[in-house]
């Protein structure tokens, strides 16, 4: 005599709960790392924009024989930047060109790494 045990295919409640717990733990680990990576990328983009502004300031000063302390405007600098436009804001920051010889900086409205909201980002 054969005994036939009919078992329906499917997942038990315990298996589903374990799977949900594992996914929750992985997302708890991954989300903060993704946020930190986003902040780092934004910060690096602002630094790169500041380098572009500094390079265009230096080119403007050399080409126009301007001494240290001369104050260029955005209009003066766009001719020395690709696509003839100032770098785009990443997080709504404001770029301060500053005179030749003084590094440009950016005031950011959000916290980026060690720079608080409303803080100033300067070239390293």
PDB file of N, CA and C in Angstrom:
ATOM      1  N   UNK A   1       0.832  -1.151   0.000  1.00  0.00           N
ATOM      2  CA  UNK A   1       0.000   0.000   0.000  1.00  0.00           C
ATOM      3  C   UNK A   1       0.890   1.230   0.000  1.00  0.00           C
ATOM      4  N   UNK A   2       0.617   2.126  -0.928  1.00  0.00           N
ATOM      5  CA  UNK A   2       1.388   3.357  -1.046  1.00  0.00           C
ATOM      6  C   UNK A   2       0.643   4.491  -0.371  1.00  0.00           C
ATOM      7  N   UNK A   3       1.448   5.326   0.312  1.00  0.00           N
ATOM      8  CA  UNK A   3       0.865   6.500   0.945  1.00  0.00           C
ATOM      9  C   UNK A   3       1.248   7.705   0.097  1.00  0.00           C
ATOM     10  N   UNK A   4       0.284   8.415  -0.353  1.00  0.00           N
ATOM     11  CA  UNK A   4       0.511   9.606  -1.169  1.00  0.00           C
ATOM     12  C   UNK A   4       0.289  10.838  -0.304  1.00  0.00           C
ATOM     13  N   UNK A   5       1.352  11.590  -0.133  1.00  0.00           N
ATOM     14  CA  UNK A   5       1.227  12.838   0.614  1.00  0.00           C
ATOM     15  C   UNK A   5       1.140  13.966  -0.403  1.00  0.00           C
ATOM     16  N   UNK A   6       0.063  14.638  -0.412  1.00  0.00           N
ATOM     17  CA  UNK A   6      -0.061  15.753  -1.345  1.00  0.00           C
ATOM     18  C   UNK A   6       0.363  17.030  -0.630  1.00  0.00           C
ATOM     19  N   UNK A   7       1.339  17.646  -1.220  1.00  0.00           N
ATOM     20  CA  UNK A   7       1.848  18.880  -0.629  1.00  0.00           C
ATOM     21  C   UNK A   7       1.783  19.962  -1.702  1.00  0.00           C
ATOM     22  N   UNK A   8       1.150  21.047  -1.391  1.00  0.00           N
ATOM     23  CA  UNK A   8       1.041  22.135  -2.348  1.00  0.00           C
ATOM     24  C   UNK A   8       2.345  22.926  -2.355  1.00  0.00           C
ATOM     25  N   UNK A   9       2.759  23.334  -3.555  1.00  0.00           N
ATOM     26  CA  UNK A   9       3.972  24.129  -3.664  1.00  0.00           C
ATOM     27  C   UNK A   9       3.683  25.539  -3.161  1.00  0.00           C
ATOM     28  N   UNK A  10       4.658  26.130  -2.466  1.00  0.00           N
ATOM     29  CA  UNK A  10       4.494  27.478  -1.959  1.00  0.00           C
ATOM     30  C   UNK A  10       5.487  27.741  -0.844  1.00  0.00           C
ATOM     31  N   UNK A  11       5.430  28.937  -0.319  1.00  0.00           N
ATOM     32  CA  UNK A  11       6.334  29.335   0.752  1.00  0.00           C
ATOM     33  C   UNK A  11       5.575  29.382   2.066  1.00  0.00           C
ATOM     34  N   UNK A  12       6.273  29.019   3.104  1.00  0.00           N
ATOM     35  CA  UNK A  12       5.652  29.107   4.427  1.00  0.00           C
ATOM     36  C   UNK A  12       5.798  30.531   4.945  1.00  0.00           C
ATOM     37  N   UNK A  13       5.043  30.827   5.966  1.00  0.00           N
ATOM     38  CA  UNK A  13       5.088  32.155   6.562  1.00  0.00           C
ATOM     39  C   UNK A  13       6.471  32.453   7.133  1.00  0.00           C
ATOM     40  N   UNK A  14       7.122  31.472   7.700  1.00  0.00           N
ATOM     41  CA  UNK A  14       8.458  31.665   8.273  1.00  0.00           C
ATOM     42  C   UNK A  14       9.460  32.011   7.177  1.00  0.00           C
ATOM     43  N   UNK A  15       9.391  31.335   6.041  1.00  0.00           N
ATOM     44  CA  UNK A  15      10.306  31.627   4.938  1.00  0.00           C
ATOM     45  C   UNK A  15      10.120  33.052   4.414  1.00  0.00           C
ATOM     46  N   UNK A  16       8.888  33.467   4.307  1.00  0.00           N
ATOM     47  CA  UNK A  16       8.617  34.827   3.843  1.00  0.00           C
ATOM     48  C   UNK A  16       9.123  35.850   4.849  1.00  0.00           C
ATOM     49  N   UNK A  17       8.921  35.607   6.141  1.00  0.00           N
ATOM     50  CA  UNK A  17       9.377  36.535   7.185  1.00  0.00           C
ATOM     51  C   UNK A  17      10.896  36.647   7.193  1.00  0.00           C
ATOM     52  N   UNK A  18      11.592  35.536   7.002  1.00  0.00           N
ATOM     53  CA  UNK A  18      13.057  35.559   6.969  1.00  0.00           C
ATOM     54  C   UNK A  18      13.540  36.366   5.756  1.00  0.00           C
ATOM     55  N   UNK A  19      12.907  36.159   4.617  1.00  0.00           N
ATOM     56  CA  UNK A  19      13.279  36.897   3.406  1.00  0.00           C
ATOM     57  C   UNK A  19      13.069  38.402   3.593  1.00  0.00           C
ATOM     58  N   UNK A  20      11.952  38.791   4.169  1.00  0.00           N
ATOM     59  CA  UNK A  20      11.679  40.206   4.409  1.00  0.00           C
ATOM     60  C   UNK A  20      12.687  40.792   5.389  1.00  0.00           C
ATOM     61  N   UNK A  21      13.050  40.026   6.415  1.00  0.00           N
ATOM     62  CA  UNK A  21      14.028  40.507   7.399  1.00  0.00           C
ATOM     63  C   UNK A  21      15.394  40.711   6.745  1.00  0.00           C
ATOM     64  N   UNK A  22      15.806  39.812   5.881  1.00  0.00           N
ATOM     65  CA  UNK A  22      17.097  39.931   5.197  1.00  0.00           C
ATOM     66  C   UNK A  22      17.092  41.150   4.277  1.00  0.00           C
ATOM     67  N   UNK A  23      16.008  41.352   3.538  1.00  0.00           N
ATOM     68  CA  UNK A  23      15.921  42.517   2.650  1.00  0.00           C
ATOM     69  C   UNK A  23      15.947  43.803   3.464  1.00  0.00           C
ATOM     70  N   UNK A  24      15.266  43.823   4.605  1.00  0.00           N
ATOM     71  CA  UNK A  24      15.282  44.997   5.477  1.00  0.00           C
ATOM     72  C   UNK A  24      16.665  45.304   6.006  1.00  0.00           C
ATOM     73  N   UNK A  25      17.414  44.273   6.393  1.00  0.00           N
ATOM     74  CA  UNK A  25      18.771  44.488   6.897  1.00  0.00           C
ATOM     75  C   UNK A  25      19.679  45.017   5.789  1.00  0.00           C
ATOM     76  N   UNK A  26      19.564  44.470   4.598  1.00  0.00           N
ATOM     77  CA  UNK A  26      20.397  44.934   3.485  1.00  0.00           C
ATOM     78  C   UNK A  26      20.082  46.385   3.121  1.00  0.00           C
ATOM     79  N   UNK A  27      18.808  46.766   3.143  1.00  0.00           N
ATOM     80  CA  UNK A  27      18.471  48.152   2.822  1.00  0.00           C
ATOM     81  C   UNK A  27      18.919  49.099   3.935  1.00  0.00           C
ATOM     82  N   UNK A  28      18.895  48.639   5.177  1.00  0.00           N
ATOM     83  CA  UNK A  28      19.375  49.471   6.286  1.00  0.00           C
ATOM     84  C   UNK A  28      20.872  49.732   6.165  1.00  0.00           C
ATOM     85  N   UNK A  29      21.595  48.799   5.588  1.00  0.00           N
ATOM     86  CA  UNK A  29      23.032  48.980   5.377  1.00  0.00           C
ATOM     87  C   UNK A  29      23.285  49.845   4.136  1.00  0.00           C
ATOM     88  N   UNK A  30      22.509  49.634   3.084  1.00  0.00           N
ATOM     89  CA  UNK A  30      22.779  50.273   1.803  1.00  0.00           C
ATOM     90  C   UNK A  30      22.337  51.706   1.668  1.00  0.00           C
ATOM     91  N   UNK A  31      21.219  52.083   2.261  1.00  0.00           N
ATOM     92  CA  UNK A  31      20.688  53.442   2.078  1.00  0.00           C
ATOM     93  C   UNK A  31      21.629  54.517   2.627  1.00  0.00           C
ATOM     94  N   UNK A  32      22.158  54.390   3.851  1.00  0.00           N
ATOM     95  CA  UNK A  32      23.087  55.425   4.322  1.00  0.00           C
ATOM     96  C   UNK A  32      24.340  55.544   3.449  1.00  0.00           C
ATOM     97  N   UNK A  33      24.838  54.421   2.949  1.00  0.00           N
ATOM     98  CA  UNK A  33      26.007  54.467   2.076  1.00  0.00           C
ATOM     99  C   UNK A  33      25.689  55.181   0.765  1.00  0.00           C
ATOM    100  N   UNK A  34      24.486  54.965   0.237  1.00  0.00           N
ATOM    101  CA  UNK A  34      24.090  55.635  -1.001  1.00  0.00           C
ATOM    102  C   UNK A  34      23.957  57.142  -0.775  1.00  0.00           C
ATOM    103  N   UNK A  35      23.422  57.542   0.373  1.00  0.00           N
ATOM    104  CA  UNK A  35      23.280  58.965   0.676  1.00  0.00           C
ATOM    105  C   UNK A  35      24.651  59.629   0.822  1.00  0.00           C
ATOM    106  N   UNK A  36      25.579  58.938   1.478  1.00  0.00           N
ATOM    107  CA  UNK A  36      26.917  59.491   1.644  1.00  0.00           C
ATOM    108  C   UNK A  36      27.619  59.607   0.282  1.00  0.00           C
ATOM    109  N   UNK A  37      27.432  58.612  -0.569  1.00  0.00           N
ATOM    110  CA  UNK A  37      28.030  58.662  -1.907  1.00  0.00           C
ATOM    111  C   UNK A  37      27.446  59.827  -2.715  1.00  0.00           C
ATOM    112  N   UNK A  38      26.159  60.087  -2.550  1.00  0.00           N
ATOM    113  CA  UNK A  38      25.527  61.202  -3.248  1.00  0.00           C
ATOM    114  C   UNK A  38      26.109  62.532  -2.776  1.00  0.00           C
ATOM    115  N   UNK A  39      26.249  62.700  -1.455  1.00  0.00           N
ATOM    116  CA  UNK A  39      26.834  63.932  -0.916  1.00  0.00           C
ATOM    117  C   UNK A  39      28.263  64.132  -1.408  1.00  0.00           C
ATOM    118  N   UNK A  40      29.034  63.052  -1.427  1.00  0.00           N
ATOM    119  CA  UNK A  40      30.416  63.125  -1.885  1.00  0.00           C
ATOM    120  C   UNK A  40      30.479  63.528  -3.354  1.00  0.00           C
ATOM    121  N   UNK A  41      29.603  62.969  -4.181  1.00  0.00           N
ATOM    122  CA  UNK A  41      29.578  63.309  -5.603  1.00  0.00           C
ATOM    123  C   UNK A  41      29.202  64.776  -5.803  1.00  0.00           C
ATOM    124  N   UNK A  42      28.227  65.262  -5.032  1.00  0.00           N
ATOM    125  CA  UNK A  42      27.840  66.673  -5.147  1.00  0.00           C
ATOM    126  C   UNK A  42      28.982  67.586  -4.719  1.00  0.00           C
ATOM    127  N   UNK A  43      29.643  67.238  -3.628  1.00  0.00           N
ATOM    128  CA  UNK A  43      30.772  68.031  -3.137  1.00  0.00           C
ATOM    129  C   UNK A  43      31.884  68.072  -4.181  1.00  0.00           C
ATOM    130  N   UNK A  44      32.201  66.925  -4.780  1.00  0.00           N
ATOM    131  CA  UNK A  44      33.246  66.870  -5.808  1.00  0.00           C
ATOM    132  C   UNK A  44      32.867  67.673  -7.050  1.00  0.00           C
ATOM    133  N   UNK A  45      31.586  67.698  -7.403  1.00  0.00           N
ATOM    134  CA  UNK A  45      31.137  68.501  -8.539  1.00  0.00           C
ATOM    135  C   UNK A  45      31.319  69.995  -8.264  1.00  0.00           C
ATOM    136  N   UNK A  46      31.029  70.416  -7.034  1.00  0.00           N
ATOM    137  CA  UNK A  46      31.214  71.824  -6.673  1.00  0.00           C
ATOM    138  C   UNK A  46      32.694  72.184  -6.729  1.00  0.00           C
ATOM    139  N   UNK A  47      33.560  71.305  -6.209  1.00  0.00           N
ATOM    140  CA  UNK A  47      35.011  71.543  -6.264  1.00  0.00           C
ATOM    141  C   UNK A  47      35.465  71.650  -7.717  1.00  0.00           C
ATOM    142  N   UNK A  48      34.966  70.785  -8.580  1.00  0.00           N
ATOM    143  CA  UNK A  48      35.336  70.830  -9.996  1.00  0.00           C
ATOM    144  C   UNK A  48      34.869  72.139 -10.629  1.00  0.00           C
ATOM    145  N   UNK A  49      33.666  72.596 -10.293  1.00  0.00           N
ATOM    146  CA  UNK A  49      33.181  73.878 -10.824  1.00  0.00           C
ATOM    147  C   UNK A  49      34.059  75.027 -10.355  1.00  0.00           C
ATOM    148  N   UNK A  50      34.517  74.968  -9.099  1.00  0.00           N
ATOM    149  CA  UNK A  50      35.415  76.013  -8.594  1.00  0.00           C
ATOM    150  C   UNK A  50      36.745  76.004  -9.348  1.00  0.00           C
ATOM    151  N   UNK A  51      37.240  74.827  -9.695  1.00  0.00           N
ATOM    152  CA  UNK A  51      38.480  74.736 -10.476  1.00  0.00           C
ATOM    153  C   UNK A  51      38.296  75.347 -11.865  1.00  0.00           C
ATOM    154  N   UNK A  52      37.142  75.106 -12.456  1.00  0.00           N
ATOM    155  CA  UNK A  52      36.851  75.691 -13.772  1.00  0.00           C
ATOM    156  C   UNK A  52      36.841  77.215 -13.672  1.00  0.00           C
ATOM    157  N   UNK A  53      36.196  77.746 -12.634  1.00  0.00           N
ATOM    158  CA  UNK A  53      36.132  79.199 -12.451  1.00  0.00           C
ATOM    159  C   UNK A  53      37.530  79.768 -12.226  1.00  0.00           C
ATOM    160  N   UNK A  54      38.325  79.094 -11.396  1.00  0.00           N
ATOM    161  CA  UNK A  54      39.696  79.563 -11.134  1.00  0.00           C
ATOM    162  C   UNK A  54      40.533  79.569 -12.405  1.00  0.00           C
ATOM    163  N   UNK A  55      40.411  78.506 -13.212  1.00  0.00           N
ATOM    164  CA  UNK A  55      41.160  78.444 -14.464  1.00  0.00           C
ATOM    165  C   UNK A  55      40.769  79.558 -15.419  1.00  0.00           C
ATOM    166  N   UNK A  56      39.485  79.829 -15.509  1.00  0.00           N
ATOM    167  CA  UNK A  56      39.036  80.902 -16.403  1.00  0.00           C
ATOM    168  C   UNK A  56      39.468  82.271 -15.870  1.00  0.00           C
ATOM    169  N   UNK A  57      39.491  82.429 -14.545  1.00  0.00           N
ATOM    170  CA  UNK A  57      39.989  83.690 -13.965  1.00  0.00           C
ATOM    171  C   UNK A  57      41.448  83.911 -14.324  1.00  0.00           C
ATOM    172  N   UNK A  58      42.242  82.859 -14.199  1.00  0.00           N
ATOM    173  CA  UNK A  58      43.665  82.971 -14.516  1.00  0.00           C
ATOM    174  C   UNK A  58      43.875  83.287 -16.003  1.00  0.00           C
ATOM    175  N   UNK A  59      43.128  82.620 -16.863  1.00  0.00           N
ATOM    176  CA  UNK A  59      43.251  82.890 -18.296  1.00  0.00           C
ATOM    177  C   UNK A  59      42.835  84.317 -18.625  1.00  0.00           C
ATOM    178  N   UNK A  60      41.757  84.780 -18.011  1.00  0.00           N
ATOM    179  CA  UNK A  60      41.295  86.154 -18.238  1.00  0.00           C
ATOM    180  C   UNK A  60      42.366  87.158 -17.806  1.00  0.00           C
ATOM    181  N   UNK A  61      42.957  86.910 -16.631  1.00  0.00           N
ATOM    182  CA  UNK A  61      43.973  87.839 -16.117  1.00  0.00           C
ATOM    183  C   UNK A  61      45.209  87.857 -17.017  1.00  0.00           C
ATOM    184  N   UNK A  62      45.631  86.688 -17.500  1.00  0.00           N
ATOM    185  CA  UNK A  62      46.804  86.642 -18.377  1.00  0.00           C
ATOM    186  C   UNK A  62      46.531  87.318 -19.715  1.00  0.00           C
ATOM    187  N   UNK A  63      45.388  87.005 -20.293  1.00  0.00           N
ATOM    188  CA  UNK A  63      45.092  87.546 -21.618  1.00  0.00           C
ATOM    189  C   UNK A  63      44.860  89.057 -21.580  1.00  0.00           C
ATOM    190  N   UNK A  64      44.292  89.561 -20.507  1.00  0.00           N
ATOM    191  CA  UNK A  64      43.991  90.986 -20.406  1.00  0.00           C
ATOM    192  C   UNK A  64      45.007  91.755 -19.564  1.00  0.00           C
ATOM    193  N   UNK A  65      46.107  91.079 -19.203  1.00  0.00           N
ATOM    194  CA  UNK A  65      47.194  91.693 -18.431  1.00  0.00           C
ATOM    195  C   UNK A  65      46.674  92.394 -17.172  1.00  0.00           C
ATOM    196  N   UNK A  66      45.881  91.649 -16.418  1.00  0.00           N
ATOM    197  CA  UNK A  66      45.288  92.175 -15.189  1.00  0.00           C
ATOM    198  C   UNK A  66      46.163  91.791 -13.992  1.00  0.00           C
ATOM    199  N   UNK A  67      46.362  92.687 -13.046  1.00  0.00           N
ATOM    200  CA  UNK A  67      47.184  92.392 -11.873  1.00  0.00           C
ATOM    201  C   UNK A  67      46.374  91.616 -10.826  1.00  0.00           C
ATOM    202  N   UNK A  68      47.071  91.016  -9.856  1.00  0.00           N
ATOM    203  CA  UNK A  68      46.337  90.400  -8.743  1.00  0.00           C
ATOM    204  C   UNK A  68      45.469  91.450  -8.060  1.00  0.00           C
ATOM    205  N   UNK A  69      44.255  91.062  -7.717  1.00  0.00           N
ATOM    206  CA  UNK A  69      43.322  91.992  -7.100  1.00  0.00           C
ATOM    207  C   UNK A  69      42.285  92.518  -8.074  1.00  0.00           C
ATOM    208  N   UNK A  70      42.502  92.307  -9.388  1.00  0.00           N
ATOM    209  CA  UNK A  70      41.505  92.739 -10.371  1.00  0.00           C
ATOM    210  C   UNK A  70      40.272  91.848 -10.240  1.00  0.00           C
ATOM    211  N   UNK A  71      39.100  92.433 -10.354  1.00  0.00           N
ATOM    212  CA  UNK A  71      37.847  91.696 -10.161  1.00  0.00           C
ATOM    213  C   UNK A  71      37.182  91.400 -11.508  1.00  0.00           C
ATOM    214  N   UNK A  72      37.220  90.131 -11.952  1.00  0.00           N
ATOM    215  CA  UNK A  72      36.503  89.791 -13.183  1.00  0.00           C
ATOM    216  C   UNK A  72      35.009  89.591 -12.900  1.00  0.00           C
ATOM    217  N   UNK A  73      34.214  89.704 -13.939  1.00  0.00           N
ATOM    218  CA  UNK A  73      32.785  89.431 -13.835  1.00  0.00           C
ATOM    219  C   UNK A  73      32.485  88.125 -14.561  1.00  0.00           C
ATOM    220  N   UNK A  74      31.271  87.631 -14.400  1.00  0.00           N
ATOM    221  CA  UNK A  74      30.878  86.412 -15.117  1.00  0.00           C
ATOM    222  C   UNK A  74      31.000  86.627 -16.619  1.00  0.00           C
ATOM    223  N   UNK A  75      30.634  87.802 -17.082  1.00  0.00           N
ATOM    224  CA  UNK A  75      30.721  88.116 -18.504  1.00  0.00           C
ATOM    225  C   UNK A  75      32.160  88.022 -19.004  1.00  0.00           C
ATOM    226  N   UNK A  76      33.120  88.442 -18.180  1.00  0.00           N
ATOM    227  CA  UNK A  76      34.526  88.346 -18.565  1.00  0.00           C
ATOM    228  C   UNK A  76      34.970  86.893 -18.666  1.00  0.00           C
ATOM    229  N   UNK A  77      34.451  86.037 -17.794  1.00  0.00           N
ATOM    230  CA  UNK A  77      34.957  84.665 -17.684  1.00  0.00           C
ATOM    231  C   UNK A  77      34.336  83.681 -18.658  1.00  0.00           C
ATOM    232  N   UNK A  78      33.096  83.925 -19.099  1.00  0.00           N
ATOM    233  CA  UNK A  78      32.421  82.920 -19.930  1.00  0.00           C
ATOM    234  C   UNK A  78      33.157  82.641 -21.232  1.00  0.00           C
ATOM    235  N   UNK A  79      33.927  83.584 -21.736  1.00  0.00           N
ATOM    236  CA  UNK A  79      34.679  83.350 -22.976  1.00  0.00           C
ATOM    237  C   UNK A  79      35.774  82.303 -22.779  1.00  0.00           C
ATOM    238  N   UNK A  80      36.156  82.054 -21.545  1.00  0.00           N
ATOM    239  CA  UNK A  80      37.238  81.109 -21.260  1.00  0.00           C
ATOM    240  C   UNK A  80      36.717  79.772 -20.729  1.00  0.00           C
ATOM    241  N   UNK A  81      35.397  79.576 -20.763  1.00  0.00           N
ATOM    242  CA  UNK A  81      34.781  78.345 -20.265  1.00  0.00           C
ATOM    243  C   UNK A  81      34.089  77.653 -21.428  1.00  0.00           C
ATOM    244  N   UNK A  82      34.174  76.333 -21.459  1.00  0.00           N
ATOM    245  CA  UNK A  82      33.549  75.542 -22.517  1.00  0.00           C
ATOM    246  C   UNK A  82      32.055  75.872 -22.597  1.00  0.00           C
ATOM    247  N   UNK A  83      31.530  75.949 -23.786  1.00  0.00           N
ATOM    248  CA  UNK A  83      30.133  76.288 -24.082  1.00  0.00           C
ATOM    249  C   UNK A  83      29.766  77.721 -23.704  1.00  0.00           C
ATOM    250  N   UNK A  84      30.755  78.534 -23.395  1.00  0.00           N
ATOM    251  CA  UNK A  84      30.525  79.945 -23.062  1.00  0.00           C
ATOM    252  C   UNK A  84      29.436  80.150 -22.020  1.00  0.00           C
ATOM    253  N   UNK A  85      29.458  79.318 -20.968  1.00  0.00           N
ATOM    254  CA  UNK A  85      28.494  79.492 -19.869  1.00  0.00           C
ATOM    255  C   UNK A  85      29.152  79.088 -18.562  1.00  0.00           C
ATOM    256  N   UNK A  86      28.740  79.747 -17.517  1.00  0.00           N
ATOM    257  CA  UNK A  86      29.264  79.437 -16.184  1.00  0.00           C
ATOM    258  C   UNK A  86      28.800  78.041 -15.782  1.00  0.00           C
ATOM    259  N   UNK A  87      29.559  77.364 -14.906  1.00  0.00           N
ATOM    260  CA  UNK A  87      29.135  76.038 -14.448  1.00  0.00           C
ATOM    261  C   UNK A  87      27.765  76.089 -13.779  1.00  0.00           C
ATOM    262  N   UNK A  88      26.989  75.043 -13.969  1.00  0.00           N
ATOM    263  CA  UNK A  88      25.651  74.956 -13.395  1.00  0.00           C
ATOM    264  C   UNK A  88      25.726  74.592 -11.915  1.00  0.00           C
ATOM    265  N   UNK A  89      24.830  75.151 -11.135  1.00  0.00           N
ATOM    266  CA  UNK A  89      24.768  74.836  -9.701  1.00  0.00           C
ATOM    267  C   UNK A  89      24.316  73.398  -9.512  1.00  0.00           C
ATOM    268  N   UNK A  90      24.935  72.703  -8.562  1.00  0.00           N
ATOM    269  CA  UNK A  90      24.633  71.302  -8.291  1.00  0.00           C
ATOM    270  C   UNK A  90      23.517  71.198  -7.251  1.00  0.00           C
ATOM    271  N   UNK A  91      23.628  71.943  -6.175  1.00  0.00           N
ATOM    272  CA  UNK A  91      22.654  71.880  -5.085  1.00  0.00           C
ATOM    273  C   UNK A  91      22.017  73.239  -4.817  1.00  0.00           C
ATOM    274  N   UNK A  92      22.097  74.135  -5.766  1.00  0.00           N
ATOM    275  CA  UNK A  92      21.571  75.479  -5.566  1.00  0.00           C
ATOM    276  C   UNK A  92      22.586  76.418  -4.933  1.00  0.00           C
ATOM    277  N   UNK A  93      23.862  76.035  -4.995  1.00  0.00           N
ATOM    278  CA  UNK A  93      24.913  76.866  -4.394  1.00  0.00           C
ATOM    279  C   UNK A  93      25.142  78.137  -5.198  1.00  0.00           C
ATOM    280  N   UNK A  94      25.750  79.107  -4.540  1.00  0.00           N
ATOM    281  CA  UNK A  94      26.092  80.385  -5.166  1.00  0.00           C
ATOM    282  C   UNK A  94      27.611  80.465  -5.272  1.00  0.00           C
ATOM    283  N   UNK A  95      28.106  80.724  -6.478  1.00  0.00           N
ATOM    284  CA  UNK A  95      29.547  80.824  -6.687  1.00  0.00           C
ATOM    285  C   UNK A  95      29.997  82.270  -6.527  1.00  0.00           C
ATOM    286  N   UNK A  96      31.044  82.470  -5.740  1.00  0.00           N
ATOM    287  CA  UNK A  96      31.643  83.779  -5.533  1.00  0.00           C
ATOM    288  C   UNK A  96      32.963  83.798  -6.286  1.00  0.00           C
ATOM    289  N   UNK A  97      33.056  84.647  -7.312  1.00  0.00           N
ATOM    290  CA  UNK A  97      34.232  84.649  -8.183  1.00  0.00           C
ATOM    291  C   UNK A  97      35.465  85.161  -7.444  1.00  0.00           C
ATOM    292  N   UNK A  98      35.353  86.234  -6.710  1.00  0.00           N
ATOM    293  CA  UNK A  98      36.463  86.859  -5.968  1.00  0.00           C
ATOM    294  C   UNK A  98      37.529  87.423  -6.911  1.00  0.00           C
ATOM    295  N   UNK A  99      38.353  88.349  -6.423  1.00  0.00           N
ATOM    296  CA  UNK A  99      39.398  88.956  -7.264  1.00  0.00           C
ATOM    297  C   UNK A  99      40.491  87.948  -7.645  1.00  0.00           C
ATOM    298  N   UNK A 100      41.252  88.303  -8.662  1.00  0.00           N
ATOM    299  CA  UNK A 100      42.384  87.476  -9.091  1.00  0.00           C
ATOM    300  C   UNK A 100      43.357  87.357  -7.920  1.00  0.00           C
ATOM    301  N   UNK A 101      43.812  86.159  -7.651  1.00  0.00           N
ATOM    302  CA  UNK A 101      44.724  85.923  -6.532  1.00  0.00           C
ATOM    303  C   UNK A 101      44.004  85.424  -5.289  1.00  0.00           C
ATOM    304  N   UNK A 102      42.687  85.587  -5.232  1.00  0.00           N
ATOM    305  CA  UNK A 102      41.873  85.075  -4.129  1.00  0.00           C
ATOM    306  C   UNK A 102      41.031  83.932  -4.681  1.00  0.00           C
ATOM    307  N   UNK A 103      41.112  82.740  -4.086  1.00  0.00           N
ATOM    308  CA  UNK A 103      40.360  81.598  -4.632  1.00  0.00           C
ATOM    309  C   UNK A 103      38.852  81.829  -4.629  1.00  0.00           C
ATOM    310  N   UNK A 104      38.213  81.331  -5.677  1.00  0.00           N
ATOM    311  CA  UNK A 104      36.754  81.370  -5.742  1.00  0.00           C
ATOM    312  C   UNK A 104      36.205  80.433  -4.667  1.00  0.00           C
ATOM    313  N   UNK A 105      34.973  80.686  -4.229  1.00  0.00           N
ATOM    314  CA  UNK A 105      34.332  79.793  -3.268  1.00  0.00           C
ATOM    315  C   UNK A 105      32.854  79.690  -3.593  1.00  0.00           C
ATOM    316  N   UNK A 106      32.190  78.770  -2.933  1.00  0.00           N
ATOM    317  CA  UNK A 106      30.761  78.562  -3.168  1.00  0.00           C
ATOM    318  C   UNK A 106      30.052  78.466  -1.828  1.00  0.00           C
ATOM    319  N   UNK A 107      28.898  79.100  -1.734  1.00  0.00           N
ATOM    320  CA  UNK A 107      28.062  79.012  -0.547  1.00  0.00           C
ATOM    321  C   UNK A 107      26.952  78.024  -0.853  1.00  0.00           C
ATOM    322  N   UNK A 108      26.869  76.955  -0.071  1.00  0.00           N
ATOM    323  CA  UNK A 108      25.908  75.895  -0.342  1.00  0.00           C
ATOM    324  C   UNK A 108      24.733  75.947   0.632  1.00  0.00           C
ATOM    325  N   UNK A 109      23.507  75.762   0.137  1.00  0.00           N
ATOM    326  CA  UNK A 109      22.339  75.810   1.018  1.00  0.00           C
ATOM    327  C   UNK A 109      22.083  74.503   1.764  1.00  0.00           C
ATOM    328  N   UNK A 110      22.787  73.437   1.407  1.00  0.00           N
ATOM    329  CA  UNK A 110      22.586  72.135   2.052  1.00  0.00           C
ATOM    330  C   UNK A 110      23.885  71.653   2.690  1.00  0.00           C
ATOM    331  N   UNK A 111      23.759  70.714   3.610  1.00  0.00           N
ATOM    332  CA  UNK A 111      24.943  70.131   4.257  1.00  0.00           C
ATOM    333  C   UNK A 111      25.602  69.168   3.288  1.00  0.00           C
ATOM    334  N   UNK A 112      26.903  69.326   3.108  1.00  0.00           N
ATOM    335  CA  UNK A 112      27.681  68.420   2.265  1.00  0.00           C
ATOM    336  C   UNK A 112      28.910  67.972   3.041  1.00  0.00           C
ATOM    337  N   UNK A 113      28.890  66.756   3.540  1.00  0.00           N
ATOM    338  CA  UNK A 113      30.020  66.247   4.314  1.00  0.00           C
ATOM    339  C   UNK A 113      30.243  67.071   5.562  1.00  0.00           C
ATOM    340  N   UNK A 114      31.425  67.676   5.684  1.00  0.00           N
ATOM    341  CA  UNK A 114      31.752  68.469   6.865  1.00  0.00           C
ATOM    342  C   UNK A 114      31.336  69.933   6.718  1.00  0.00           C
ATOM    343  N   UNK A 115      30.816  70.310   5.541  1.00  0.00           N
ATOM    344  CA  UNK A 115      30.374  71.687   5.317  1.00  0.00           C
ATOM    345  C   UNK A 115      28.901  71.791   5.718  1.00  0.00           C
ATOM    346  N   UNK A 116      28.576  72.635   6.700  1.00  0.00           N
ATOM    347  CA  UNK A 116      27.176  72.747   7.133  1.00  0.00           C
ATOM    348  C   UNK A 116      26.332  73.501   6.113  1.00  0.00           C
ATOM    349  N   UNK A 117      25.031  73.417   6.254  1.00  0.00           N
ATOM    350  CA  UNK A 117      24.125  74.172   5.391  1.00  0.00           C
ATOM    351  C   UNK A 117      24.430  75.666   5.577  1.00  0.00           C
ATOM    352  N   UNK A 118      24.555  76.379   4.472  1.00  0.00           N
ATOM    353  CA  UNK A 118      24.911  77.794   4.531  1.00  0.00           C
ATOM    354  C   UNK A 118      26.409  78.001   4.640  1.00  0.00           C
ATOM    355  N   UNK A 119      27.176  76.922   4.609  1.00  0.00           N
ATOM    356  CA  UNK A 119      28.629  77.009   4.717  1.00  0.00           C
ATOM    357  C   UNK A 119      29.281  77.317   3.381  1.00  0.00           C
ATOM    358  N   UNK A 120      30.586  77.508   3.441  1.00  0.00           N
ATOM    359  CA  UNK A 120      31.348  77.870   2.249  1.00  0.00           C
ATOM    360  C   UNK A 120      32.276  76.728   1.858  1.00  0.00           C
ATOM    361  N   UNK A 121      32.244  76.388   0.577  1.00  0.00           N
ATOM    362  CA  UNK A 121      33.145  75.366   0.014  1.00  0.00           C
ATOM    363  C   UNK A 121      34.279  76.112  -0.662  1.00  0.00           C
ATOM    364  N   UNK A 122      35.512  75.752  -0.319  1.00  0.00           N
ATOM    365  CA  UNK A 122      36.687  76.364  -0.942  1.00  0.00           C
ATOM    366  C   UNK A 122      37.542  75.273  -1.559  1.00  0.00           C
ATOM    367  N   UNK A 123      38.380  75.669  -2.502  1.00  0.00           N
ATOM    368  CA  UNK A 123      39.291  74.700  -3.113  1.00  0.00           C
ATOM    369  C   UNK A 123      40.293  74.210  -2.076  1.00  0.00           C
ATOM    370  N   UNK A 124      40.595  72.913  -2.101  1.00  0.00           N
ATOM    371  CA  UNK A 124      41.593  72.395  -1.140  1.00  0.00           C
ATOM    372  C   UNK A 124      42.984  72.847  -1.472  1.00  0.00           C
TER     373      UNK A 124
END
